[in-house]
């Protein structure tokens, strides 16, 4: 009997922590969640939806969280639901275009897979959002592939970031994300494959660690995702740039880009620069606003706020 009671208490505590984590994290983006989403983003594998509903109803009744239509949130802000509906509708409108752009990116030399990342991968598109892409390349040609895409954006798209933000590259030998935390796990599991279905499976396998954070989140479907293609022009360019010339150009592209970033972001300390503008032979990350740390800091504040409301005796 004692063991059963302890087990039940443990499950309740796990469910509580799971819900608090999701509510606190998505509150950073002022994004309320439905019960289905709280289950998807949760860790409570042994708790049914009825248990989730009962706990949420109790929290709402005690003023710990708030219900706004079908969604739950940590602040009594009716506008969050309005913003969410508008952002979801924009995402519906933009996603087909993002799919076409992602497949176009896949035609560039040495590109092996393309994923939609950022807010759009979570079915969100605010008025000021960019369409972000996470790109996987052939080893040894990441920086050359990146430079070609950046030049295309600057010359043909007049440097527009709105629908062509290519800010994260890895090659097929460096798919595992080194920074392992709630932010990166969220980004990993929500990536939306649009080109190179083989690469999605390989990327998921390399980052299985993220499933410890999100064991319930379903894998993305790749049924409609094109496989890697080698069109004639792409094949010719990869052949021409596959030897010594391509090797030199890749090294030169990395050196020039890194030198430019060091001048432009010289106000950053070395540790911040290494994390926000990661620049290795097989990895390129361009997140100068260091959004990851800001999100994690705000998440911790939200979690502390909720925990204090739920367990005031611990404070």
Protein backbone atom coordinates (compact mmCIF):
# COMPACT_ATOMS: atom_id res chain seq x y z
CA UNK A 1 0.00 0.00 0.00
CA UNK A 2 2.83 2.35 0.92
CA UNK A 3 4.60 1.54 -2.36
CA UNK A 4 1.43 2.22 -4.38
CA UNK A 5 0.89 5.58 -2.66
CA UNK A 6 4.52 6.56 -3.23
CA UNK A 7 4.29 5.55 -6.88
CA UNK A 8 1.09 7.59 -7.37
CA UNK A 9 2.66 10.62 -5.68
CA UNK A 10 5.72 10.27 -7.90
CA UNK A 11 3.60 10.15 -11.06
CA UNK A 12 1.64 13.21 -9.94
CA UNK A 13 4.86 15.10 -9.27
CA UNK A 14 6.23 14.13 -12.70
CA UNK A 15 3.04 15.31 -14.39
CA UNK A 16 3.14 18.55 -12.45
CA UNK A 17 6.75 19.25 -13.41
CA UNK A 18 6.04 18.38 -17.03
CA UNK A 19 3.11 20.80 -17.29
CA UNK A 20 4.94 23.56 -15.43
CA UNK A 21 7.91 23.23 -17.77
CA UNK A 22 5.83 23.49 -20.95
CA UNK A 23 3.68 26.36 -19.68
CA UNK A 24 6.74 28.29 -18.46
CA UNK A 25 8.70 27.70 -21.66
CA UNK A 26 6.04 28.72 -24.16
CA UNK A 27 5.06 31.70 -22.00
CA UNK A 28 8.42 33.16 -23.02
CA UNK A 29 6.84 33.56 -26.47
CA UNK A 30 3.42 34.54 -25.05
CA UNK A 31 2.05 31.38 -26.62
CA UNK A 32 -0.78 29.55 -24.83
CA UNK A 33 -1.05 25.77 -25.20
CA UNK A 34 -3.91 23.33 -25.64
CA UNK A 35 -4.17 20.09 -23.68
CA UNK A 36 -3.04 18.17 -26.75
CA UNK A 37 0.05 20.35 -27.08
CA UNK A 38 0.83 20.06 -23.37
CA UNK A 39 0.76 16.31 -23.82
CA UNK A 40 2.94 16.44 -26.97
CA UNK A 41 5.53 18.69 -25.35
CA UNK A 42 5.41 16.84 -22.05
CA UNK A 43 7.35 14.08 -20.36
CA UNK A 44 4.39 12.45 -18.60
CA UNK A 45 4.24 9.24 -20.60
CA UNK A 46 2.14 7.41 -17.98
CA UNK A 47 -0.47 10.14 -17.50
CA UNK A 48 -3.61 10.15 -19.61
CA UNK A 49 -5.32 13.27 -20.92
CA UNK A 50 -7.97 13.04 -18.19
CA UNK A 51 -5.24 13.35 -15.53
CA UNK A 52 -3.78 16.33 -17.36
CA UNK A 53 -7.23 17.93 -17.60
CA UNK A 54 -7.92 17.41 -13.89
CA UNK A 55 -4.63 18.99 -12.82
CA UNK A 56 -5.03 21.95 -15.16
CA UNK A 57 -8.61 22.54 -13.98
CA UNK A 58 -7.38 22.55 -10.39
CA UNK A 59 -4.69 25.11 -11.19
CA UNK A 60 -7.19 27.31 -13.01
CA UNK A 61 -9.60 27.12 -10.07
CA UNK A 62 -6.84 28.24 -7.70
CA UNK A 63 -5.70 31.09 -9.97
CA UNK A 64 -2.27 29.58 -10.65
CA UNK A 65 -2.80 29.51 -14.42
CA UNK A 66 -5.53 30.79 -16.73
CA UNK A 67 -7.69 29.25 -19.42
CA UNK A 68 -8.42 31.22 -22.56
CA UNK A 69 -10.73 29.24 -24.82
CA UNK A 70 -9.01 25.88 -25.47
CA UNK A 71 -5.63 27.19 -24.34
CA UNK A 72 -3.81 27.46 -21.03
CA UNK A 73 -1.32 30.16 -20.04
CA UNK A 74 0.48 31.50 -17.00
CA UNK A 75 -0.72 35.12 -17.28
CA UNK A 76 -4.24 36.49 -17.48
CA UNK A 77 -3.60 38.04 -20.90
CA UNK A 78 -6.56 37.58 -23.31
CA UNK A 79 -4.48 39.03 -26.14
CA UNK A 80 -2.18 36.00 -26.14
CA UNK A 81 -4.94 33.91 -27.73
CA UNK A 82 -5.66 36.59 -30.31
CA UNK A 83 -1.97 36.78 -31.21
CA UNK A 84 -1.74 33.00 -31.41
CA UNK A 85 -4.68 32.65 -33.83
CA UNK A 86 -3.23 35.35 -36.09
CA UNK A 87 0.26 33.78 -35.97
CA UNK A 88 -1.12 30.32 -36.79
CA UNK A 89 -3.06 31.72 -39.74
CA UNK A 90 0.03 33.48 -41.09
CA UNK A 91 1.96 30.22 -40.73
CA UNK A 92 -0.68 28.43 -42.80
CA UNK A 93 -0.26 31.04 -45.52
CA UNK A 94 3.55 31.12 -45.49
CA UNK A 95 4.35 27.43 -45.09
CA UNK A 96 3.69 26.44 -48.75
CA UNK A 97 6.06 29.22 -49.86
CA UNK A 98 8.65 28.11 -47.31
CA UNK A 99 8.42 24.56 -48.68
CA UNK A 100 9.10 25.80 -52.21
CA UNK A 101 12.01 27.96 -51.07
CA UNK A 102 13.47 25.05 -49.07
CA UNK A 103 13.33 22.79 -52.11
CA UNK A 104 14.96 25.53 -54.17
CA UNK A 105 17.77 25.72 -51.59
CA UNK A 106 18.16 21.98 -52.03
CA UNK A 107 19.19 22.57 -55.66
CA UNK A 108 22.36 24.39 -54.60
CA UNK A 109 25.65 22.52 -54.81
CA UNK A 110 26.63 20.41 -51.79
CA UNK A 111 23.25 20.89 -50.02
CA UNK A 112 21.97 17.53 -48.79
CA UNK A 113 18.95 18.36 -46.60
CA UNK A 114 16.89 21.43 -45.73
CA UNK A 115 14.64 21.91 -42.69
CA UNK A 116 12.36 24.79 -41.74
CA UNK A 117 13.38 25.95 -38.26
CA UNK A 118 12.51 28.80 -35.90
CA UNK A 119 8.94 29.87 -35.21
CA UNK A 120 7.48 28.58 -38.47
CA UNK A 121 8.51 25.03 -37.61
CA UNK A 122 6.16 25.39 -34.63
CA UNK A 123 3.27 26.63 -36.80
CA UNK A 124 3.84 30.25 -35.78
CA UNK A 125 4.53 33.30 -37.95
CA UNK A 126 4.37 36.72 -36.34
CA UNK A 127 4.30 39.92 -38.34
CA UNK A 128 8.05 40.40 -37.87
CA UNK A 129 9.18 36.77 -38.18
CA UNK A 130 11.67 35.50 -40.74
CA UNK A 131 11.48 32.13 -42.45
CA UNK A 132 14.48 30.31 -40.99
CA UNK A 133 16.21 27.34 -42.61
CA UNK A 134 18.51 24.74 -41.09
CA UNK A 135 20.75 23.27 -43.80
CA UNK A 136 22.81 20.08 -43.98
CA UNK A 137 25.70 19.98 -46.46
CA UNK A 138 28.33 17.63 -47.76
CA UNK A 139 31.44 17.43 -45.55
CA UNK A 140 34.21 19.80 -46.55
CA UNK A 141 31.95 22.15 -48.52
CA UNK A 142 29.74 23.71 -45.85
CA UNK A 143 31.26 27.17 -46.04
CA UNK A 144 31.28 27.19 -49.82
CA UNK A 145 27.61 26.15 -49.91
CA UNK A 146 26.80 28.81 -47.32
CA UNK A 147 28.62 31.50 -49.28
CA UNK A 148 26.75 30.61 -52.48
CA UNK A 149 23.42 30.90 -50.68
CA UNK A 150 24.37 34.19 -49.00
CA UNK A 151 25.52 35.65 -52.33
CA UNK A 152 22.23 34.59 -53.93
CA UNK A 153 20.33 36.30 -51.12
CA UNK A 154 22.37 39.50 -51.36
CA UNK A 155 22.36 39.76 -55.16
CA UNK A 156 19.06 38.25 -56.23
CA UNK A 157 16.93 38.94 -53.17
CA UNK A 158 18.53 42.29 -52.28
CA UNK A 159 19.65 40.83 -48.94
CA UNK A 160 16.08 40.18 -47.81
CA UNK A 161 15.86 38.06 -44.66
CA UNK A 162 12.09 37.73 -44.63
CA UNK A 163 11.74 34.47 -46.54
CA UNK A 164 15.36 33.38 -46.88
CA UNK A 165 17.11 33.32 -43.52
CA UNK A 166 19.86 30.67 -43.69
CA UNK A 167 21.39 30.93 -40.24
CA UNK A 168 22.40 27.40 -39.25
CA UNK A 169 24.47 24.89 -41.23
CA UNK A 170 25.95 21.52 -40.32
CA UNK A 171 27.54 18.91 -42.54
CA UNK A 172 26.60 15.24 -42.59
CA UNK A 173 29.50 14.38 -40.26
CA UNK A 174 28.58 17.00 -37.64
CA UNK A 175 24.83 16.61 -37.18
CA UNK A 176 24.83 16.24 -33.40
CA UNK A 177 24.03 19.55 -31.69
CA UNK A 178 26.65 20.16 -29.00
CA UNK A 179 24.58 22.46 -26.78
CA UNK A 180 22.04 20.19 -25.12
CA UNK A 181 19.33 22.04 -23.22
CA UNK A 182 15.58 22.71 -23.35
CA UNK A 183 15.93 25.38 -26.05
CA UNK A 184 18.01 23.29 -28.43
CA UNK A 185 15.90 20.18 -27.77
CA UNK A 186 12.77 22.16 -28.70
CA UNK A 187 14.40 23.35 -31.91
CA UNK A 188 15.63 19.85 -32.79
CA UNK A 189 12.33 17.99 -32.39
CA UNK A 190 10.27 20.65 -34.15
CA UNK A 191 12.45 20.94 -37.28
CA UNK A 192 10.28 20.53 -40.36
CA UNK A 193 11.94 18.60 -43.22
CA UNK A 194 11.33 20.05 -46.69
CA UNK A 195 14.15 18.52 -48.76
CA UNK A 196 16.33 15.43 -48.40
CA UNK A 197 14.25 12.97 -46.40
CA UNK A 198 17.29 10.76 -45.75
CA UNK A 199 18.95 13.60 -43.90
CA UNK A 200 16.01 14.01 -41.54
CA UNK A 201 16.30 10.44 -40.29
CA UNK A 202 20.07 10.77 -39.92
CA UNK A 203 19.72 14.07 -38.05
CA UNK A 204 17.11 12.63 -35.68
CA UNK A 205 19.36 9.63 -34.98
CA UNK A 206 22.32 11.91 -34.26
CA UNK A 207 20.23 13.94 -31.81
CA UNK A 208 18.33 11.23 -30.01
CA UNK A 209 19.29 13.00 -26.78
CA UNK A 210 16.51 15.54 -27.50
CA UNK A 211 13.94 12.78 -26.91
CA UNK A 212 14.85 12.82 -23.23
CA UNK A 213 13.32 16.31 -23.17
CA UNK A 214 10.42 15.49 -25.49
CA UNK A 215 9.66 11.75 -25.41
CA UNK A 216 6.03 12.32 -26.46
CA UNK A 217 6.58 14.62 -29.43
CA UNK A 218 5.86 12.78 -32.70
CA UNK A 219 8.48 12.53 -35.42
CA UNK A 220 7.77 14.60 -38.51
CA UNK A 221 6.34 12.88 -41.54
CA UNK A 222 8.66 12.69 -44.55
CA UNK A 223 6.12 11.16 -46.94
CA UNK A 224 5.92 14.32 -49.05
CA UNK A 225 9.57 15.33 -48.62
CA UNK A 226 11.70 14.95 -51.77
CA UNK A 227 14.76 12.75 -51.59
CA UNK A 228 18.18 14.19 -52.37
CA UNK A 229 18.42 15.01 -56.06
CA UNK A 230 21.42 15.61 -58.26
CA UNK A 231 20.22 17.75 -61.16
CA UNK A 232 22.56 18.23 -64.09
CA UNK A 233 23.75 21.72 -63.07
CA UNK A 234 24.21 20.71 -59.43
CA UNK A 235 26.09 17.58 -60.45
CA UNK A 236 28.40 19.54 -62.78
CA UNK A 237 29.17 22.23 -60.19
CA UNK A 238 29.88 19.63 -57.52
CA UNK A 239 32.22 17.86 -59.93
CA UNK A 240 34.06 21.08 -60.81
CA UNK A 241 34.30 22.14 -57.15
CA UNK A 242 34.87 18.68 -55.75
CA UNK A 243 38.66 18.84 -55.85
CA UNK A 244 41.43 21.24 -54.89
CA UNK A 245 39.61 24.36 -56.14
CA UNK A 246 36.57 23.61 -54.02
CA UNK A 247 38.74 22.85 -51.01
CA UNK A 248 40.50 26.20 -51.35
CA UNK A 249 37.23 28.08 -51.86
CA UNK A 250 35.66 26.43 -48.81
CA UNK A 251 38.60 27.39 -46.58
CA UNK A 252 38.63 30.90 -48.03
CA UNK A 253 34.88 31.30 -47.49
CA UNK A 254 35.25 30.28 -43.86
CA UNK A 255 38.23 32.60 -43.27
CA UNK A 256 36.55 35.63 -44.86
CA UNK A 257 33.24 35.06 -43.05
CA UNK A 258 34.86 34.51 -39.66
CA UNK A 259 37.09 37.57 -40.09
CA UNK A 260 34.03 39.69 -40.95
CA UNK A 261 32.07 38.41 -37.96
CA UNK A 262 34.95 39.11 -35.57
CA UNK A 263 35.08 42.71 -36.77
CA UNK A 264 31.31 43.19 -36.74
CA UNK A 265 30.74 41.57 -33.34
CA UNK A 266 33.91 42.62 -31.57
CA UNK A 267 31.78 43.78 -28.61
CA UNK A 268 31.07 40.12 -27.77
CA UNK A 269 33.24 38.29 -25.30
CA UNK A 270 34.96 35.15 -26.55
CA UNK A 271 32.56 32.73 -24.86
CA UNK A 272 29.42 34.43 -26.22
CA UNK A 273 30.90 34.68 -29.70
CA UNK A 274 31.78 30.98 -29.72
CA UNK A 275 28.21 30.04 -28.81
CA UNK A 276 26.20 32.60 -30.81
CA UNK A 277 28.42 32.55 -33.91
CA UNK A 278 29.77 29.05 -33.87
CA UNK A 279 32.26 28.68 -36.69
CA UNK A 280 33.87 25.32 -37.27
CA UNK A 281 34.74 23.41 -40.42
CA UNK A 282 31.51 21.40 -40.23
CA UNK A 283 29.25 23.86 -38.36
CA UNK A 284 28.13 27.44 -38.94
CA UNK A 285 25.66 29.18 -36.65
CA UNK A 286 24.71 32.83 -37.02
CA UNK A 287 22.62 33.88 -34.01
CA UNK A 288 24.17 37.24 -33.04
CA UNK A 289 21.28 38.19 -30.75
CA UNK A 290 22.11 35.16 -28.60
CA UNK A 291 18.41 34.38 -28.42
CA UNK A 292 18.99 30.99 -26.82
CA UNK A 293 20.30 32.38 -23.54
CA UNK A 294 17.59 35.04 -23.36
CA UNK A 295 14.90 32.39 -23.77
CA UNK A 296 16.42 30.09 -21.15
CA UNK A 297 16.78 32.96 -18.66
CA UNK A 298 13.16 34.03 -19.10
CA UNK A 299 12.03 30.41 -18.90
CA UNK A 300 13.74 30.00 -15.52
CA UNK A 301 12.02 33.15 -14.26
CA UNK A 302 8.63 31.87 -15.44
CA UNK A 303 9.23 28.46 -13.86
CA UNK A 304 10.22 30.04 -10.55
CA UNK A 305 7.09 32.22 -10.67
CA UNK A 306 4.79 29.22 -11.24
CA UNK A 307 6.52 27.05 -8.64
CA UNK A 308 6.21 29.82 -6.04
CA UNK A 309 2.46 30.05 -6.70
CA UNK A 310 2.00 26.30 -6.54
CA UNK A 311 4.24 25.67 -3.53
CA UNK A 312 4.45 28.93 -1.53
CA UNK A 313 5.65 26.99 1.50
CA UNK A 314 8.94 26.25 -0.28
CA UNK A 315 9.81 29.94 -0.64
